[in-house]
Amino acid sequence: MTFAENINRICAERGTNLTAVIKQIKNGQSSYTTAINKRGSIPNQEELLALAKILQCSVMDFFADEEDLCCEKAVPENEDEEDILKIYRALPRRAKHEFMAMVYDFGDRKEYEGDKANAIG
């Protein structure tokens, strides 16, 4: 995916649009939106950090490819899974990694507790 596709996707997920976000950074200069969407411009490092802060995501999220997003197509089976997916999808990339580390630790603990129960029984 392109930078423009990713940032517009992230904006939509956050209930906003690129023009509104750019206005916060560029003091009302919405013409920068056209530079991103039409000409493929990529903001400088300072602007990328400001965009990420406003959108509560990682700068890396702006450069995600299809493979990075494939897991976001999962269909929840119940309300709990839907809530977990909403929370996970709203996290920046680094927090997603931390979240998954906790999930794996939890899974390992449950596996251990199951083995322990089987040994006792």
PDB file of N, CA and C in Angstrom:
ATOM      1  N   MET A   1       0.844  -1.184   0.000  1.00  0.00           N
ATOM      2  CA  MET A   1       0.000   0.000   0.000  1.00  0.00           C
ATOM      3  C   MET A   1       0.888   1.247   0.000  1.00  0.00           C
ATOM      4  N   THR A   2       0.384   2.299  -0.576  1.00  0.00           N
ATOM      5  CA  THR A   2       1.145   3.544  -0.609  1.00  0.00           C
ATOM      6  C   THR A   2       0.985   4.299   0.702  1.00  0.00           C
ATOM      7  N   PHE A   3       1.858   5.276   0.896  1.00  0.00           N
ATOM      8  CA  PHE A   3       1.752   6.131   2.072  1.00  0.00           C
ATOM      9  C   PHE A   3       0.367   6.780   2.123  1.00  0.00           C
ATOM     10  N   ALA A   4      -0.093   7.316   0.985  1.00  0.00           N
ATOM     11  CA  ALA A   4      -1.396   7.994   0.935  1.00  0.00           C
ATOM     12  C   ALA A   4      -2.530   7.035   1.297  1.00  0.00           C
ATOM     13  N   GLU A   5      -2.486   5.815   0.765  1.00  0.00           N
ATOM     14  CA  GLU A   5      -3.534   4.835   1.086  1.00  0.00           C
ATOM     15  C   GLU A   5      -3.534   4.517   2.577  1.00  0.00           C
ATOM     16  N   ASN A   6      -2.357   4.328   3.129  1.00  0.00           N
ATOM     17  CA  ASN A   6      -2.262   3.987   4.549  1.00  0.00           C
ATOM     18  C   ASN A   6      -2.729   5.129   5.446  1.00  0.00           C
ATOM     19  N   ILE A   7      -2.290   6.335   5.166  1.00  0.00           N
ATOM     20  CA  ILE A   7      -2.672   7.436   6.058  1.00  0.00           C
ATOM     21  C   ILE A   7      -4.171   7.721   5.945  1.00  0.00           C
ATOM     22  N   ASN A   8      -4.732   7.589   4.758  1.00  0.00           N
ATOM     23  CA  ASN A   8      -6.174   7.784   4.607  1.00  0.00           C
ATOM     24  C   ASN A   8      -6.958   6.675   5.305  1.00  0.00           C
ATOM     25  N   ARG A   9      -6.434   5.441   5.257  1.00  0.00           N
ATOM     26  CA  ARG A   9      -7.067   4.327   5.962  1.00  0.00           C
ATOM     27  C   ARG A   9      -7.042   4.571   7.464  1.00  0.00           C
ATOM     28  N   ILE A  10      -5.895   4.990   7.979  1.00  0.00           N
ATOM     29  CA  ILE A  10      -5.757   5.241   9.412  1.00  0.00           C
ATOM     30  C   ILE A  10      -6.679   6.380   9.845  1.00  0.00           C
ATOM     31  N   CYS A  11      -6.741   7.432   9.042  1.00  0.00           N
ATOM     32  CA  CYS A  11      -7.653   8.544   9.347  1.00  0.00           C
ATOM     33  C   CYS A  11      -9.093   8.043   9.437  1.00  0.00           C
ATOM     34  N   ALA A  12      -9.502   7.240   8.459  1.00  0.00           N
ATOM     35  CA  ALA A  12     -10.874   6.713   8.451  1.00  0.00           C
ATOM     36  C   ALA A  12     -11.138   5.863   9.682  1.00  0.00           C
ATOM     37  N   GLU A  13     -10.152   5.029  10.064  1.00  0.00           N
ATOM     38  CA  GLU A  13     -10.292   4.205  11.272  1.00  0.00           C
ATOM     39  C   GLU A  13     -10.460   5.066  12.519  1.00  0.00           C
ATOM     40  N   ARG A  14      -9.887   6.254  12.502  1.00  0.00           N
ATOM     41  CA  ARG A  14      -9.953   7.145  13.656  1.00  0.00           C
ATOM     42  C   ARG A  14     -11.129   8.123  13.560  1.00  0.00           C
ATOM     43  N   GLY A  15     -11.924   7.994  12.495  1.00  0.00           N
ATOM     44  CA  GLY A  15     -13.102   8.844  12.354  1.00  0.00           C
ATOM     45  C   GLY A  15     -12.787  10.266  11.928  1.00  0.00           C
ATOM     46  N   THR A  16     -11.713  10.440  11.188  1.00  0.00           N
ATOM     47  CA  THR A  16     -11.338  11.766  10.717  1.00  0.00           C
ATOM     48  C   THR A  16     -10.918  11.653   9.256  1.00  0.00           C
ATOM     49  N   ASN A  17     -10.355  12.724   8.717  1.00  0.00           N
ATOM     50  CA  ASN A  17      -9.838  12.673   7.351  1.00  0.00           C
ATOM     51  C   ASN A  17      -8.489  13.385   7.310  1.00  0.00           C
ATOM     52  N   LEU A  18      -7.782  13.155   6.225  1.00  0.00           N
ATOM     53  CA  LEU A  18      -6.429  13.683   6.103  1.00  0.00           C
ATOM     54  C   LEU A  18      -6.403  15.208   6.145  1.00  0.00           C
ATOM     55  N   THR A  19      -7.363  15.845   5.515  1.00  0.00           N
ATOM     56  CA  THR A  19      -7.404  17.317   5.496  1.00  0.00           C
ATOM     57  C   THR A  19      -7.475  17.869   6.919  1.00  0.00           C
ATOM     58  N   ALA A  20      -8.325  17.299   7.739  1.00  0.00           N
ATOM     59  CA  ALA A  20      -8.469  17.771   9.122  1.00  0.00           C
ATOM     60  C   ALA A  20      -7.174  17.589   9.910  1.00  0.00           C
ATOM     61  N   VAL A  21      -6.507  16.471   9.691  1.00  0.00           N
ATOM     62  CA  VAL A  21      -5.261  16.201  10.411  1.00  0.00           C
ATOM     63  C   VAL A  21      -4.156  17.133   9.929  1.00  0.00           C
ATOM     64  N   ILE A  22      -4.051  17.311   8.626  1.00  0.00           N
ATOM     65  CA  ILE A  22      -3.023  18.195   8.058  1.00  0.00           C
ATOM     66  C   ILE A  22      -3.218  19.624   8.549  1.00  0.00           C
ATOM     67  N   LYS A  23      -4.452  20.065   8.659  1.00  0.00           N
ATOM     68  CA  LYS A  23      -4.716  21.431   9.140  1.00  0.00           C
ATOM     69  C   LYS A  23      -4.169  21.636  10.551  1.00  0.00           C
ATOM     70  N   GLN A  24      -4.175  20.588  11.363  1.00  0.00           N
ATOM     71  CA  GLN A  24      -3.635  20.701  12.718  1.00  0.00           C
ATOM     72  C   GLN A  24      -2.116  20.881  12.695  1.00  0.00           C
ATOM     73  N   ILE A  25      -1.474  20.296  11.707  1.00  0.00           N
ATOM     74  CA  ILE A  25      -0.018  20.350  11.618  1.00  0.00           C
ATOM     75  C   ILE A  25       0.453  21.563  10.837  1.00  0.00           C
ATOM     76  N   LYS A  26      -0.190  21.833   9.740  1.00  0.00           N
ATOM     77  CA  LYS A  26       0.256  22.878   8.813  1.00  0.00           C
ATOM     78  C   LYS A  26      -0.488  24.202   9.001  1.00  0.00           C
ATOM     79  N   ASN A  27      -1.123  24.388  10.136  1.00  0.00           N
ATOM     80  CA  ASN A  27      -1.832  25.636  10.434  1.00  0.00           C
ATOM     81  C   ASN A  27      -2.805  26.038   9.321  1.00  0.00           C
ATOM     82  N   GLY A  28      -3.655  25.096   8.941  1.00  0.00           N
ATOM     83  CA  GLY A  28      -4.700  25.406   7.978  1.00  0.00           C
ATOM     84  C   GLY A  28      -4.336  25.204   6.526  1.00  0.00           C
ATOM     85  N   GLN A  29      -3.139  24.737   6.208  1.00  0.00           N
ATOM     86  CA  GLN A  29      -2.729  24.540   4.822  1.00  0.00           C
ATOM     87  C   GLN A  29      -3.212  23.183   4.310  1.00  0.00           C
ATOM     88  N   SER A  30      -4.451  23.123   3.868  1.00  0.00           N
ATOM     89  CA  SER A  30      -5.006  21.850   3.412  1.00  0.00           C
ATOM     90  C   SER A  30      -4.484  21.455   2.031  1.00  0.00           C
ATOM     91  N   SER A  31      -3.770  22.353   1.336  1.00  0.00           N
ATOM     92  CA  SER A  31      -3.212  22.014   0.024  1.00  0.00           C
ATOM     93  C   SER A  31      -2.189  20.889   0.132  1.00  0.00           C
ATOM     94  N   TYR A  32      -1.629  20.688   1.311  1.00  0.00           N
ATOM     95  CA  TYR A  32      -0.662  19.613   1.532  1.00  0.00           C
ATOM     96  C   TYR A  32      -1.321  18.248   1.360  1.00  0.00           C
ATOM     97  N   THR A  33      -2.630  18.184   1.616  1.00  0.00           N
ATOM     98  CA  THR A  33      -3.391  16.948   1.410  1.00  0.00           C
ATOM     99  C   THR A  33      -3.299  16.520  -0.048  1.00  0.00           C
ATOM    100  N   THR A  34      -3.426  17.468  -0.966  1.00  0.00           N
ATOM    101  CA  THR A  34      -3.327  17.180  -2.392  1.00  0.00           C
ATOM    102  C   THR A  34      -1.941  16.665  -2.742  1.00  0.00           C
ATOM    103  N   ALA A  35      -0.919  17.239  -2.146  1.00  0.00           N
ATOM    104  CA  ALA A  35       0.446  16.794  -2.411  1.00  0.00           C
ATOM    105  C   ALA A  35       0.622  15.326  -2.024  1.00  0.00           C
ATOM    106  N   ILE A  36       0.004  14.917  -0.932  1.00  0.00           N
ATOM    107  CA  ILE A  36       0.101  13.528  -0.475  1.00  0.00           C
ATOM    108  C   ILE A  36      -0.738  12.620  -1.372  1.00  0.00           C
ATOM    109  N   ASN A  37      -2.004  12.980  -1.580  1.00  0.00           N
ATOM    110  CA  ASN A  37      -2.924  12.116  -2.309  1.00  0.00           C
ATOM    111  C   ASN A  37      -2.675  12.078  -3.813  1.00  0.00           C
ATOM    112  N   LYS A  38      -2.326  13.179  -4.414  1.00  0.00           N
ATOM    113  CA  LYS A  38      -2.187  13.233  -5.878  1.00  0.00           C
ATOM    114  C   LYS A  38      -0.746  13.050  -6.362  1.00  0.00           C
ATOM    115  N   ARG A  39       0.204  13.625  -5.646  1.00  0.00           N
ATOM    116  CA  ARG A  39       1.585  13.577  -6.108  1.00  0.00           C
ATOM    117  C   ARG A  39       2.430  12.545  -5.360  1.00  0.00           C
ATOM    118  N   GLY A  40       1.860  11.929  -4.345  1.00  0.00           N
ATOM    119  CA  GLY A  40       2.597  10.908  -3.602  1.00  0.00           C
ATOM    120  C   GLY A  40       3.664  11.447  -2.683  1.00  0.00           C
ATOM    121  N   SER A  41       3.537  12.714  -2.305  1.00  0.00           N
ATOM    122  CA  SER A  41       4.528  13.310  -1.392  1.00  0.00           C
ATOM    123  C   SER A  41       4.478  12.619  -0.036  1.00  0.00           C
ATOM    124  N   ILE A  42       5.634  12.529   0.575  1.00  0.00           N
ATOM    125  CA  ILE A  42       5.732  11.976   1.926  1.00  0.00           C
ATOM    126  C   ILE A  42       6.270  13.084   2.821  1.00  0.00           C
ATOM    127  N   PRO A  43       5.590  13.355   3.931  1.00  0.00           N
ATOM    128  CA  PRO A  43       6.038  14.423   4.841  1.00  0.00           C
ATOM    129  C   PRO A  43       7.433  14.150   5.388  1.00  0.00           C
ATOM    130  N   ASN A  44       8.064  15.203   5.884  1.00  0.00           N
ATOM    131  CA  ASN A  44       9.377  15.042   6.503  1.00  0.00           C
ATOM    132  C   ASN A  44       9.225  14.350   7.862  1.00  0.00           C
ATOM    133  N   GLN A  45      10.350  14.031   8.472  1.00  0.00           N
ATOM    134  CA  GLN A  45      10.353  13.269   9.716  1.00  0.00           C
ATOM    135  C   GLN A  45       9.535  13.952  10.819  1.00  0.00           C
ATOM    136  N   GLU A  46       9.709  15.230  10.984  1.00  0.00           N
ATOM    137  CA  GLU A  46       8.987  15.973  12.018  1.00  0.00           C
ATOM    138  C   GLU A  46       7.475  15.895  11.782  1.00  0.00           C
ATOM    139  N   GLU A  47       7.071  16.048  10.529  1.00  0.00           N
ATOM    140  CA  GLU A  47       5.640  15.990  10.195  1.00  0.00           C
ATOM    141  C   GLU A  47       5.085  14.576  10.367  1.00  0.00           C
ATOM    142  N   LEU A  48       5.881  13.564  10.016  1.00  0.00           N
ATOM    143  CA  LEU A  48       5.448  12.179  10.217  1.00  0.00           C
ATOM    144  C   LEU A  48       5.200  11.903  11.696  1.00  0.00           C
ATOM    145  N   LEU A  49       6.097  12.387  12.539  1.00  0.00           N
ATOM    146  CA  LEU A  49       5.929  12.194  13.982  1.00  0.00           C
ATOM    147  C   LEU A  49       4.686  12.908  14.488  1.00  0.00           C
ATOM    148  N   ALA A  50       4.433  14.112  13.970  1.00  0.00           N
ATOM    149  CA  ALA A  50       3.234  14.857  14.373  1.00  0.00           C
ATOM    150  C   ALA A  50       1.973  14.138  13.906  1.00  0.00           C
ATOM    151  N   LEU A  51       1.987  13.621  12.690  1.00  0.00           N
ATOM    152  CA  LEU A  51       0.834  12.863  12.177  1.00  0.00           C
ATOM    153  C   LEU A  51       0.568  11.634  13.044  1.00  0.00           C
ATOM    154  N   ALA A  52       1.633  10.907  13.370  1.00  0.00           N
ATOM    155  CA  ALA A  52       1.494   9.707  14.195  1.00  0.00           C
ATOM    156  C   ALA A  52       0.943  10.045  15.574  1.00  0.00           C
ATOM    157  N   LYS A  53       1.397  11.149  16.131  1.00  0.00           N
ATOM    158  CA  LYS A  53       0.913  11.553  17.453  1.00  0.00           C
ATOM    159  C   LYS A  53      -0.581  11.888  17.403  1.00  0.00           C
ATOM    160  N   ILE A  54      -0.982  12.644  16.404  1.00  0.00           N
ATOM    161  CA  ILE A  54      -2.400  13.022  16.281  1.00  0.00           C
ATOM    162  C   ILE A  54      -3.264  11.792  16.042  1.00  0.00           C
ATOM    163  N   LEU A  55      -2.781  10.879  15.201  1.00  0.00           N
ATOM    164  CA  LEU A  55      -3.566   9.694  14.847  1.00  0.00           C
ATOM    165  C   LEU A  55      -3.361   8.535  15.818  1.00  0.00           C
ATOM    166  N   GLN A  56      -2.531   8.738  16.818  1.00  0.00           N
ATOM    167  CA  GLN A  56      -2.241   7.731  17.844  1.00  0.00           C
ATOM    168  C   GLN A  56      -1.841   6.400  17.206  1.00  0.00           C
ATOM    169  N   CYS A  57      -0.807   6.479  16.375  1.00  0.00           N
ATOM    170  CA  CYS A  57      -0.292   5.285  15.730  1.00  0.00           C
ATOM    171  C   CYS A  57       1.217   5.416  15.628  1.00  0.00           C
ATOM    172  N   SER A  58       1.838   4.435  15.057  1.00  0.00           N
ATOM    173  CA  SER A  58       3.277   4.451  14.827  1.00  0.00           C
ATOM    174  C   SER A  58       3.553   5.003  13.431  1.00  0.00           C
ATOM    175  N   VAL A  59       4.678   5.651  13.257  1.00  0.00           N
ATOM    176  CA  VAL A  59       5.077   6.107  11.922  1.00  0.00           C
ATOM    177  C   VAL A  59       5.154   4.902  10.986  1.00  0.00           C
ATOM    178  N   MET A  60       5.556   3.757  11.503  1.00  0.00           N
ATOM    179  CA  MET A  60       5.651   2.543  10.692  1.00  0.00           C
ATOM    180  C   MET A  60       4.300   2.155  10.096  1.00  0.00           C
ATOM    181  N   ASP A  61       3.206   2.489  10.786  1.00  0.00           N
ATOM    182  CA  ASP A  61       1.871   2.159  10.277  1.00  0.00           C
ATOM    183  C   ASP A  61       1.579   2.859   8.954  1.00  0.00           C
ATOM    184  N   PHE A  62       2.227   3.992   8.705  1.00  0.00           N
ATOM    185  CA  PHE A  62       2.022   4.723   7.454  1.00  0.00           C
ATOM    186  C   PHE A  62       2.632   3.988   6.260  1.00  0.00           C
ATOM    187  N   PHE A  63       3.501   3.036   6.541  1.00  0.00           N
ATOM    188  CA  PHE A  63       4.209   2.329   5.480  1.00  0.00           C
ATOM    189  C   PHE A  63       3.888   0.838   5.469  1.00  0.00           C
ATOM    190  N   ALA A  64       2.744   0.469   6.017  1.00  0.00           N
ATOM    191  CA  ALA A  64       2.328  -0.934   6.060  1.00  0.00           C
ATOM    192  C   ALA A  64       2.030  -1.432   4.651  1.00  0.00           C
ATOM    193  N   ASP A  65       2.236  -2.729   4.455  1.00  0.00           N
ATOM    194  CA  ASP A  65       1.854  -3.317   3.177  1.00  0.00           C
ATOM    195  C   ASP A  65       0.685  -4.269   3.409  1.00  0.00           C
ATOM    196  N   GLU A  66       0.220  -4.892   2.351  1.00  0.00           N
ATOM    197  CA  GLU A  66      -0.945  -5.778   2.447  1.00  0.00           C
ATOM    198  C   GLU A  66      -0.728  -6.892   3.466  1.00  0.00           C
ATOM    199  N   GLU A  67       0.477  -7.419   3.525  1.00  0.00           N
ATOM    200  CA  GLU A  67       0.776  -8.503   4.457  1.00  0.00           C
ATOM    201  C   GLU A  67       0.601  -8.057   5.904  1.00  0.00           C
ATOM    202  N   ASP A  68       0.981  -6.811   6.194  1.00  0.00           N
ATOM    203  CA  ASP A  68       0.827  -6.278   7.547  1.00  0.00           C
ATOM    204  C   ASP A  68      -0.637  -6.171   7.944  1.00  0.00           C
ATOM    205  N   LEU A  69      -1.506  -5.968   6.954  1.00  0.00           N
ATOM    206  CA  LEU A  69      -2.916  -5.728   7.232  1.00  0.00           C
ATOM    207  C   LEU A  69      -3.782  -6.976   7.101  1.00  0.00           C
ATOM    208  N   CYS A  70      -3.213  -8.084   6.644  1.00  0.00           N
ATOM    209  CA  CYS A  70      -4.011  -9.271   6.370  1.00  0.00           C
ATOM    210  C   CYS A  70      -4.767  -9.756   7.599  1.00  0.00           C
ATOM    211  N   CYS A  71      -4.161  -9.640   8.765  1.00  0.00           N
ATOM    212  CA  CYS A  71      -4.819 -10.130   9.978  1.00  0.00           C
ATOM    213  C   CYS A  71      -6.022  -9.282  10.360  1.00  0.00           C
ATOM    214  N   GLU A  72      -6.115  -8.071   9.833  1.00  0.00           N
ATOM    215  CA  GLU A  72      -7.218  -7.199  10.184  1.00  0.00           C
ATOM    216  C   GLU A  72      -8.514  -7.571   9.480  1.00  0.00           C
ATOM    217  N   LYS A  73      -8.496  -8.608   8.641  1.00  0.00           N
ATOM    218  CA  LYS A  73      -9.689  -9.030   7.931  1.00  0.00           C
ATOM    219  C   LYS A  73     -10.433 -10.130   8.679  1.00  0.00           C
ATOM    220  N   ALA A  74      -9.964 -10.500   9.854  1.00  0.00           N
ATOM    221  CA  ALA A  74     -10.605 -11.540  10.640  1.00  0.00           C
ATOM    222  C   ALA A  74     -12.009 -11.113  11.041  1.00  0.00           C
ATOM    223  N   VAL A  75     -12.930 -12.062  11.011  1.00  0.00           N
ATOM    224  CA  VAL A  75     -14.313 -11.792  11.388  1.00  0.00           C
ATOM    225  C   VAL A  75     -14.530 -12.330  12.797  1.00  0.00           C
ATOM    226  N   PRO A  76     -14.918 -11.466  13.738  1.00  0.00           N
ATOM    227  CA  PRO A  76     -15.107 -11.920  15.116  1.00  0.00           C
ATOM    228  C   PRO A  76     -16.299 -12.864  15.234  1.00  0.00           C
ATOM    229  N   GLU A  77     -16.181 -13.838  16.137  1.00  0.00           N
ATOM    230  CA  GLU A  77     -17.248 -14.811  16.337  1.00  0.00           C
ATOM    231  C   GLU A  77     -18.231 -14.381  17.417  1.00  0.00           C
ATOM    232  N   ASN A  78     -17.800 -13.489  18.319  1.00  0.00           N
ATOM    233  CA  ASN A  78     -18.697 -13.032  19.379  1.00  0.00           C
ATOM    234  C   ASN A  78     -18.284 -11.618  19.804  1.00  0.00           C
ATOM    235  N   GLU A  79     -19.021 -11.043  20.749  1.00  0.00           N
ATOM    236  CA  GLU A  79     -18.762  -9.667  21.176  1.00  0.00           C
ATOM    237  C   GLU A  79     -17.383  -9.501  21.824  1.00  0.00           C
ATOM    238  N   ASP A  80     -16.941 -10.512  22.571  1.00  0.00           N
ATOM    239  CA  ASP A  80     -15.615 -10.430  23.199  1.00  0.00           C
ATOM    240  C   ASP A  80     -14.521 -10.347  22.148  1.00  0.00           C
ATOM    241  N   GLU A  81     -14.620 -11.208  21.132  1.00  0.00           N
ATOM    242  CA  GLU A  81     -13.615 -11.168  20.065  1.00  0.00           C
ATOM    243  C   GLU A  81     -13.681  -9.846  19.322  1.00  0.00           C
ATOM    244  N   GLU A  82     -14.872  -9.336  19.113  1.00  0.00           N
ATOM    245  CA  GLU A  82     -15.032  -8.050  18.430  1.00  0.00           C
ATOM    246  C   GLU A  82     -14.359  -6.937  19.229  1.00  0.00           C
ATOM    247  N   ASP A  83     -14.544  -6.938  20.551  1.00  0.00           N
ATOM    248  CA  ASP A  83     -13.906  -5.937  21.407  1.00  0.00           C
ATOM    249  C   ASP A  83     -12.382  -6.054  21.360  1.00  0.00           C
ATOM    250  N   ILE A  84     -11.884  -7.288  21.420  1.00  0.00           N
ATOM    251  CA  ILE A  84     -10.441  -7.504  21.378  1.00  0.00           C
ATOM    252  C   ILE A  84      -9.881  -7.005  20.045  1.00  0.00           C
ATOM    253  N   LEU A  85     -10.561  -7.307  18.945  1.00  0.00           N
ATOM    254  CA  LEU A  85     -10.092  -6.849  17.632  1.00  0.00           C
ATOM    255  C   LEU A  85     -10.114  -5.331  17.522  1.00  0.00           C
ATOM    256  N   LYS A  86     -11.142  -4.688  18.059  1.00  0.00           N
ATOM    257  CA  LYS A  86     -11.214  -3.221  18.022  1.00  0.00           C
ATOM    258  C   LYS A  86     -10.025  -2.612  18.763  1.00  0.00           C
ATOM    259  N   ILE A  87      -9.763  -3.154  19.945  1.00  0.00           N
ATOM    260  CA  ILE A  87      -8.645  -2.644  20.741  1.00  0.00           C
ATOM    261  C   ILE A  87      -7.333  -2.882  20.005  1.00  0.00           C
ATOM    262  N   TYR A  88      -7.138  -4.097  19.517  1.00  0.00           N
ATOM    263  CA  TYR A  88      -5.901  -4.443  18.823  1.00  0.00           C
ATOM    264  C   TYR A  88      -5.689  -3.562  17.597  1.00  0.00           C
ATOM    265  N   ARG A  89      -6.720  -3.383  16.803  1.00  0.00           N
ATOM    266  CA  ARG A  89      -6.601  -2.600  15.571  1.00  0.00           C
ATOM    267  C   ARG A  89      -6.309  -1.134  15.833  1.00  0.00           C
ATOM    268  N   ALA A  90      -6.707  -0.628  16.982  1.00  0.00           N
ATOM    269  CA  ALA A  90      -6.468   0.782  17.307  1.00  0.00           C
ATOM    270  C   ALA A  90      -5.063   1.032  17.862  1.00  0.00           C
ATOM    271  N   LEU A  91      -4.358  -0.038  18.192  1.00  0.00           N
ATOM    272  CA  LEU A  91      -3.025   0.105  18.779  1.00  0.00           C
ATOM    273  C   LEU A  91      -1.986   0.436  17.715  1.00  0.00           C
ATOM    274  N   PRO A  92      -0.976   1.219  18.083  1.00  0.00           N
ATOM    275  CA  PRO A  92       0.157   1.400  17.171  1.00  0.00           C
ATOM    276  C   PRO A  92       0.936   0.085  17.078  1.00  0.00           C
ATOM    277  N   ARG A  93       1.744  -0.043  16.068  1.00  0.00           N
ATOM    278  CA  ARG A  93       2.437  -1.306  15.786  1.00  0.00           C
ATOM    279  C   ARG A  93       3.223  -1.832  16.987  1.00  0.00           C
ATOM    280  N   ARG A  94       3.972  -0.989  17.663  1.00  0.00           N
ATOM    281  CA  ARG A  94       4.783  -1.447  18.798  1.00  0.00           C
ATOM    282  C   ARG A  94       3.886  -1.998  19.911  1.00  0.00           C
ATOM    283  N   ALA A  95       2.774  -1.335  20.179  1.00  0.00           N
ATOM    284  CA  ALA A  95       1.849  -1.810  21.210  1.00  0.00           C
ATOM    285  C   ALA A  95       1.206  -3.132  20.784  1.00  0.00           C
ATOM    286  N   LYS A  96       0.996  -3.311  19.469  1.00  0.00           N
ATOM    287  CA  LYS A  96       0.460  -4.592  18.991  1.00  0.00           C
ATOM    288  C   LYS A  96       1.429  -5.719  19.323  1.00  0.00           C
ATOM    289  N   HIS A  97       2.716  -5.474  19.156  1.00  0.00           N
ATOM    290  CA  HIS A  97       3.711  -6.492  19.489  1.00  0.00           C
ATOM    291  C   HIS A  97       3.696  -6.802  20.983  1.00  0.00           C
ATOM    292  N   GLU A  98       3.578  -5.777  21.815  1.00  0.00           N
ATOM    293  CA  GLU A  98       3.514  -5.980  23.263  1.00  0.00           C
ATOM    294  C   GLU A  98       2.251  -6.755  23.639  1.00  0.00           C
ATOM    295  N   PHE A  99       1.147  -6.400  23.003  1.00  0.00           N
ATOM    296  CA  PHE A  99      -0.132  -7.075  23.245  1.00  0.00           C
ATOM    297  C   PHE A  99      -0.002  -8.565  22.911  1.00  0.00           C
ATOM    298  N   MET A 100       0.585  -8.853  21.748  1.00  0.00           N
ATOM    299  CA  MET A 100       0.718 -10.242  21.332  1.00  0.00           C
ATOM    300  C   MET A 100       1.669 -11.013  22.252  1.00  0.00           C
ATOM    301  N   ALA A 101       2.686 -10.353  22.758  1.00  0.00           N
ATOM    302  CA  ALA A 101       3.584 -11.013  23.706  1.00  0.00           C
ATOM    303  C   ALA A 101       2.805 -11.424  24.957  1.00  0.00           C
ATOM    304  N   MET A 102       1.910 -10.542  25.408  1.00  0.00           N
ATOM    305  CA  MET A 102       1.076 -10.877  26.578  1.00  0.00           C
ATOM    306  C   MET A 102       0.140 -12.039  26.248  1.00  0.00           C
ATOM    307  N   VAL A 103      -0.417 -12.050  25.050  1.00  0.00           N
ATOM    308  CA  VAL A 103      -1.315 -13.135  24.642  1.00  0.00           C
ATOM    309  C   VAL A 103      -0.567 -14.461  24.652  1.00  0.00           C
ATOM    310  N   TYR A 104       0.644 -14.473  24.072  1.00  0.00           N
ATOM    311  CA  TYR A 104       1.427 -15.706  24.049  1.00  0.00           C
ATOM    312  C   TYR A 104       1.805 -16.149  25.456  1.00  0.00           C
ATOM    313  N   ASP A 105       2.169 -15.195  26.311  1.00  0.00           N
ATOM    314  CA  ASP A 105       2.478 -15.543  27.704  1.00  0.00           C
ATOM    315  C   ASP A 105       1.258 -16.138  28.391  1.00  0.00           C
ATOM    316  N   PHE A 106       0.111 -15.547  28.143  1.00  0.00           N
ATOM    317  CA  PHE A 106      -1.133 -16.053  28.734  1.00  0.00           C
ATOM    318  C   PHE A 106      -1.418 -17.470  28.225  1.00  0.00           C
ATOM    319  N   GLY A 107      -1.240 -17.681  26.930  1.00  0.00           N
ATOM    320  CA  GLY A 107      -1.458 -19.007  26.349  1.00  0.00           C
ATOM    321  C   GLY A 107      -0.529 -20.037  26.945  1.00  0.00           C
ATOM    322  N   ASP A 108       0.730 -19.657  27.121  1.00  0.00           N
ATOM    323  CA  ASP A 108       1.690 -20.573  27.733  1.00  0.00           C
ATOM    324  C   ASP A 108       1.304 -20.902  29.167  1.00  0.00           C
ATOM    325  N   ARG A 109       0.826 -19.903  29.898  1.00  0.00           N
ATOM    326  CA  ARG A 109       0.421 -20.120  31.296  1.00  0.00           C
ATOM    327  C   ARG A 109      -0.765 -21.070  31.357  1.00  0.00           C
ATOM    328  N   LYS A 110      -1.738 -20.885  30.474  1.00  0.00           N
ATOM    329  CA  LYS A 110      -2.914 -21.766  30.446  1.00  0.00           C
ATOM    330  C   LYS A 110      -2.504 -23.190  30.097  1.00  0.00           C
ATOM    331  N   GLU A 111      -1.564 -23.326  29.157  1.00  0.00           N
ATOM    332  CA  GLU A 111      -1.060 -24.633  28.773  1.00  0.00           C
ATOM    333  C   GLU A 111      -0.394 -25.304  29.973  1.00  0.00           C
ATOM    334  N   TYR A 112       0.401 -24.522  30.710  1.00  0.00           N
ATOM    335  CA  TYR A 112       1.087 -25.038  31.890  1.00  0.00           C
ATOM    336  C   TYR A 112       0.073 -25.463  32.945  1.00  0.00           C
ATOM    337  N   GLU A 113      -0.937 -24.634  33.183  1.00  0.00           N
ATOM    338  CA  GLU A 113      -1.949 -24.963  34.186  1.00  0.00           C
ATOM    339  C   GLU A 113      -2.720 -26.215  33.793  1.00  0.00           C
ATOM    340  N   GLY A 114      -2.963 -26.383  32.492  1.00  0.00           N
ATOM    341  CA  GLY A 114      -3.636 -27.595  32.013  1.00  0.00           C
ATOM    342  C   GLY A 114      -2.779 -28.814  32.240  1.00  0.00           C
ATOM    343  N   ASP A 115      -1.478 -28.723  31.962  1.00  0.00           N
ATOM    344  CA  ASP A 115      -0.563 -29.839  32.189  1.00  0.00           C
ATOM    345  C   ASP A 115      -0.497 -30.188  33.672  1.00  0.00           C
ATOM    346  N   LYS A 116      -0.481 -29.158  34.518  1.00  0.00           N
ATOM    347  CA  LYS A 116      -0.417 -29.342  35.967  1.00  0.00           C
ATOM    348  C   LYS A 116      -1.678 -30.049  36.477  1.00  0.00           C
ATOM    349  N   ALA A 117      -2.847 -29.646  35.950  1.00  0.00           N
ATOM    350  CA  ALA A 117      -4.126 -30.256  36.360  1.00  0.00           C
ATOM    351  C   ALA A 117      -4.171 -31.712  35.929  1.00  0.00           C
ATOM    352  N   ASN A 118      -3.671 -32.000  34.729  1.00  0.00           N
ATOM    353  CA  ASN A 118      -3.652 -33.389  34.249  1.00  0.00           C
ATOM    354  C   ASN A 118      -2.738 -34.265  35.086  1.00  0.00           C
ATOM    355  N   ALA A 119      -1.629 -33.723  35.562  1.00  0.00           N
ATOM    356  CA  ALA A 119      -0.688 -34.484  36.389  1.00  0.00           C
ATOM    357  C   ALA A 119      -1.293 -34.824  37.749  1.00  0.00           C
ATOM    358  N   ILE A 120      -2.104 -33.889  38.262  1.00  0.00           N
ATOM    359  CA  ILE A 120      -2.734 -34.106  39.577  1.00  0.00           C
ATOM    360  C   ILE A 120      -3.857 -35.123  39.471  1.00  0.00           C
ATOM    361  N   GLY A 121      -4.663 -34.996  38.387  1.00  0.00           N
ATOM    362  CA  GLY A 121      -5.853 -35.836  38.190  1.00  0.00           C
ATOM    363  C   GLY A 121      -5.516 -37.188  37.794  1.00  0.00           C
TER     364      GLY A 121
END
